[in-house]
Amino acid sequence: MAPDQAFDGLYRRYAHDVYRFAYGLVRNRADAEDVAQSAFLNAYRALERGHEPESPRNWLLAIAQNVHRQHLRRSQRRVQEVALDVELAVEENTALDPSEITRALDQLSANQRAALVLR
């Protein structure tokens, strides 16, 4: 199959998944669009070189994660770690509000957030 046809199929099938994953990492629509666009551009270049992924969705998500890491390296030389705030600790039977979960995710380092988003 020609790279253009293969790419078209991948884009139609996985664009939403890649964008959602990127948004989970960066928590910003514009940045998520940039990450997704760069990921698909990298995927297209790989297809042109003859790469045929065995698991296209996982392959695209890995590319998106790598793009995100590259953007982080450019924007931050040093990853900031967040100390555990004991007051934010949640008891076992406490229900969490979705906005609390979002705020907690925003406080994590990029690698920690990526691990949770992938899970």
Protein backbone atom coordinates (compact mmCIF):
# COMPACT_ATOMS: atom_id res chain seq x y z
CA MET A 1 0.00 0.00 0.00
CA ALA A 2 1.26 3.49 -0.83
CA PRO A 3 2.36 5.67 2.11
CA ASP A 4 -0.39 8.20 1.35
CA GLN A 5 -3.12 5.58 1.52
CA ALA A 6 -1.68 3.97 4.64
CA PHE A 7 -1.39 7.35 6.32
CA ASP A 8 -4.94 8.33 5.38
CA GLY A 9 -6.27 5.15 6.97
CA LEU A 10 -4.21 5.63 10.12
CA TYR A 11 -5.25 9.25 10.46
CA ARG A 12 -8.95 8.53 9.99
CA ARG A 13 -8.90 5.69 12.48
CA TYR A 14 -6.60 7.03 15.21
CA ALA A 15 -6.60 10.85 15.07
CA HIS A 16 -9.08 11.12 17.94
CA ASP A 17 -7.14 8.64 20.11
CA VAL A 18 -3.85 10.45 19.52
CA TYR A 19 -5.41 13.83 20.29
CA ARG A 20 -7.07 12.53 23.49
CA PHE A 21 -3.78 11.01 24.63
CA ALA A 22 -1.90 14.23 23.88
CA TYR A 23 -4.52 16.28 25.71
CA GLY A 24 -4.17 14.01 28.72
CA LEU A 25 -0.45 14.76 28.73
CA VAL A 26 -0.46 18.52 28.12
CA ARG A 27 -3.91 19.54 29.46
CA ASN A 28 -4.23 22.26 26.81
CA ARG A 29 -6.11 22.06 23.51
CA ALA A 30 -3.64 24.01 21.40
CA ASP A 31 -0.63 22.11 22.73
CA ALA A 32 -2.46 18.79 22.29
CA GLU A 33 -3.18 19.68 18.66
CA ASP A 34 0.51 20.54 18.14
CA VAL A 35 1.64 17.25 19.67
CA ALA A 36 -0.88 15.24 17.63
CA GLN A 37 0.02 17.04 14.40
CA SER A 38 3.75 16.48 14.97
CA ALA A 39 3.11 12.84 15.83
CA PHE A 40 1.23 12.25 12.58
CA LEU A 41 3.90 14.09 10.60
CA ASN A 42 6.56 11.80 12.14
CA ALA A 43 4.37 8.78 11.39
CA TYR A 44 3.98 9.85 7.76
CA ARG A 45 7.75 10.18 7.40
CA ALA A 46 8.21 6.70 8.86
CA LEU A 47 5.65 5.27 6.44
CA GLU A 48 7.51 6.91 3.55
CA ARG A 49 10.67 5.14 4.71
CA GLY A 50 8.80 1.83 4.54
CA HIS A 51 7.98 1.29 8.21
CA GLU A 52 4.89 -0.87 8.71
CA PRO A 53 3.74 -0.88 12.35
CA GLU A 54 2.40 -4.10 13.83
CA SER A 55 0.18 -2.26 16.30
CA PRO A 56 -0.66 1.11 14.68
CA ARG A 57 -2.49 2.64 17.67
CA ASN A 58 0.31 1.84 20.12
CA TRP A 59 2.88 3.01 17.59
CA LEU A 60 1.12 6.35 17.14
CA LEU A 61 0.72 6.85 20.90
CA ALA A 62 4.42 6.12 21.39
CA ILE A 63 5.27 8.68 18.71
CA ALA A 64 2.98 11.23 20.42
CA GLN A 65 4.64 10.56 23.76
CA ASN A 66 8.07 11.03 22.20
CA VAL A 67 6.96 14.31 20.59
CA HIS A 68 5.67 15.45 23.97
CA ARG A 69 8.98 14.59 25.59
CA GLN A 70 10.86 16.53 22.92
CA HIS A 71 8.65 19.57 23.52
CA LEU A 72 9.28 19.30 27.25
CA ARG A 73 13.03 19.10 26.76
CA ARG A 74 12.94 22.24 24.69
CA SER A 75 10.73 24.18 27.08
CA GLN A 76 12.17 22.91 30.36
CA ARG A 77 15.71 21.97 31.08
CA ARG A 78 14.76 20.52 34.41
CA VAL A 79 11.67 18.56 35.41
CA GLN A 80 10.01 20.02 38.48
CA GLU A 81 8.95 17.49 41.08
CA VAL A 82 6.03 18.11 43.37
CA ALA A 83 6.36 17.20 47.03
CA LEU A 84 3.58 15.15 48.59
CA ASP A 85 1.08 17.44 50.31
CA VAL A 86 -0.27 15.47 53.26
CA GLU A 87 -3.37 17.66 53.42
CA LEU A 88 -4.32 16.57 49.91
CA ALA A 89 -4.14 12.89 50.83
CA VAL A 90 -7.51 11.20 50.36
CA GLU A 91 -9.11 8.79 52.81
CA GLU A 92 -10.18 5.40 51.46
CA ASN A 93 -13.93 6.03 51.43
CA THR A 94 -13.87 9.63 50.16
CA ALA A 95 -15.48 10.32 46.79
CA LEU A 96 -13.41 12.55 44.52
CA ASP A 97 -14.77 15.35 42.40
CA PRO A 98 -13.49 15.17 38.77
CA SER A 99 -12.08 18.69 39.10
CA GLU A 100 -10.00 17.53 42.09
CA ILE A 101 -8.58 14.70 40.00
CA THR A 102 -7.72 17.13 37.20
CA ARG A 103 -5.96 19.47 39.63
CA ALA A 104 -4.01 16.55 41.08
CA LEU A 105 -2.94 15.42 37.59
CA ASP A 106 -1.78 18.94 36.78
CA GLN A 107 0.57 18.81 39.77
CA LEU A 108 2.36 15.65 38.60
CA SER A 109 5.53 15.64 36.57
CA ALA A 110 5.11 14.87 32.88
CA ASN A 111 6.37 11.29 33.21
CA GLN A 112 4.09 10.53 36.15
CA ARG A 113 1.10 12.03 34.35
CA ALA A 114 1.92 10.03 31.20
CA ALA A 115 2.00 6.80 33.20
CA LEU A 116 -1.44 7.49 34.67
CA VAL A 117 -2.94 8.63 31.37
CA LEU A 118 -1.66 5.49 29.63
CA ARG A 119 -3.13 3.35 32.41
